[in-house]
Amino acid sequence: MAEYVEQSTEEMLPELEQMCRVGLFTKKETSKILEKRKGHEYKLRRKQKQKEDFLQYIQYETNLLALVRKRRDRTGYTHKKIEIDNNITSRIHRLFKLALYRFPEDLKLWLSYIAFAKQLKALDLISRQYSKMLAVHDKKPDLWLSAAKWEFEDNNNSDNARKLLQRGLRFNPEARKLWLEYYRMELLYAEKTRKRRELLELGEDENSDTVLSGQVAFVVFDQARQAIPDDVSFLVQFLPICQLFDFTKDHEADICKELKEKYSEEPLAWDALAKRHLGRKEDLTVTDNPEKLFHDVYMDAISTLNSGKIWELYILACLDLFQKASKKSLRLKRLKRSLLVLQKARDAGHVTAPLYARWVDLLSLTGLPEEALDVCCAGLEAHPGETTLWERRLSMMVSLRHDATTVQEALNDAQKHIPKQESWPLVQMVLEHNISCNAANETVKLLEISMIDHAAVSQPAKEFFLEYEYLQHGIAHTRTVYNRLCKYKPLSQQLYRAYISMELAQPKPKMKLVRAAYEEALREHGDQAPDLWLDYIRLESSGLKGKMEKVGQIHFRAVKALQGAHNQEFLRRYTLLQTSEAS
């Protein structure tokens, strides 16, 4: 192994001598480079090849090449590139090839090599590497797309791009992305050809007319339908692509005709037919209005289907139009239309809980909070178990400054219908509202009830109760509350930590109470909380408040109580703590 490494390093000597001679590197720096390369070469000669060894060597040579270029820019020396720059580049190529030979399944390695080739603008190499990569990873449509896109857009080779997509479809005949990209690429090729002929003022013949009209793309469309038959969600994806070009109106009409005749019972087909009118405007007559045609198609769809899905698609499309409006008059017009559609959908009984939430948000956004609250209440009548609607209702009641009693009644109604484990955000909202209204009695009463509720509510309620009492009445009253809360086990780590922080924040902390709190916390959580033990040790290690003699006892107890990964984590962090204190 050593003789091969020595042979490789000897071959590098002329390159390193040139670096030193032209002033890009000093002799000390070239010696360091040789030492680094020798270390990497030894790693590559191991019997068990490691991918990381190749990657580290490649990264080192890439960084070295970048440094050479920077120093060339700084010194202005542009000669001897063949002896220096090209040698480094060739070495990187060789390393990539060796790595790919050993680890052809590693996709990131292929992509890294292609990215490196793109930096060098080595077009032939990029094409070859894409082909080799796809020979190994032929079941990944995204890779075929990436290769075809590069050939078409960067390499200006439409024939190669077409062949790649055709090969990709042979391996992945049901890959929707490939069919759609193939269709789009053929239309782009037709458009580029049309513009080129217009620029050169060339006449048209029978063959060119086939290409210029996009007939090849239409053949691709037919093949896609045969490969993935009776899939309306796939079919409608061709319409937006078709509408990007001004010579495909006849094909667009054919697609729409098929949607009407074959998929008249599919909401997605009607959705595509309606949105189609917003795609093209240049061919409309003076009396035509794209949005009017859009709404007319949806109304025809509703009269034909009248299903919840078509109403949902119509509402979402209206809301999307509203969000895209920039002019105030247009926003107002689209807002009115959206609200009208929502009202009609509610009358028909086809507004889902998420749509009610969007409706409420729309009204709130446009400065109609009272109307939003009414809609939210209506939504809860239809969907009483929807937590998000209850959150919106309580939030609006709070923002509209309803009294504490009314808000509490709404919370009581919510808790009758939603799962208990989901109710804490609502309870917290009402508690904060009560505090802002100075409704102390209502606050304490709600906390008392919540403390004996479901664990998802009782745990944060106890923490809230402790903090509330501390802020309202100070540490003396908080101690009483804490002692009382200790009877309502289990308590969370956060509660113990909060209480300890409150005690330590006093001008003269009562260490007896702090230690008692730590002991109580460790009884509850000591078998799985390395942090608690470490915090306790830090407290006792502090010079003013702690007792160093207790540190060893706490450490012994922690090692005994903690198991498995918790034990290892404690020992690791304890060692770091001791090291930092010693330094």
Foldseek 3Di string as FASTA:
>chain_A
DVVVLVVVLVVCVVQLVVCCVVPLDPPVVSVVVSVVSSVLVVQCPDPDHDLVSLVVNLVVLVVVLVSSVVSCVVVVDDPPCCSHVVVSVVVSVVSLVVSCVVCVVDPVSLVVVLVVCVVVVVVVVNLVSLVVNCVVVLQDVVSLVVNLCCCVPPVVHNVVSLVSLVSSCVNVVLPLVSLLVNLLSLQVVLVVVVVVCVVVVHDDDPVNVCSNLSVVSVVSVVSNCVSPPPDVVSLLVNLLSQLVDDSNPVVNVVSLVCLVPPVLQDLVSLLSVLCSLVSDDPPDDPPDDSNVSSVVSLVVSCVVHVALVSLVSVLVVLVVLLVPDDDPVSNVVSLVVSVVSVVVCVVSVRQALVNLVVVLVSCVVVPNLVVSLVSLVVSCVVVVADPVSLVSNLVSCLVVPDDLVVSVVSLVSSPVRYDQLSSQVSLVSSLVSCVVVVVVVVNVVSLVVQCPTPPSRNAVSLQVVLVVCCVPPNDVVSVVSVVVSLVSDDYDPVSLVVNLVSQVPDPDRDVVVNVVSLVSSCVRCLQQDLPSLVVVLVQQPDDPRHPNVCNVVSLVVSCVRYDDPSNVVNVVVVVVVVVVVVD
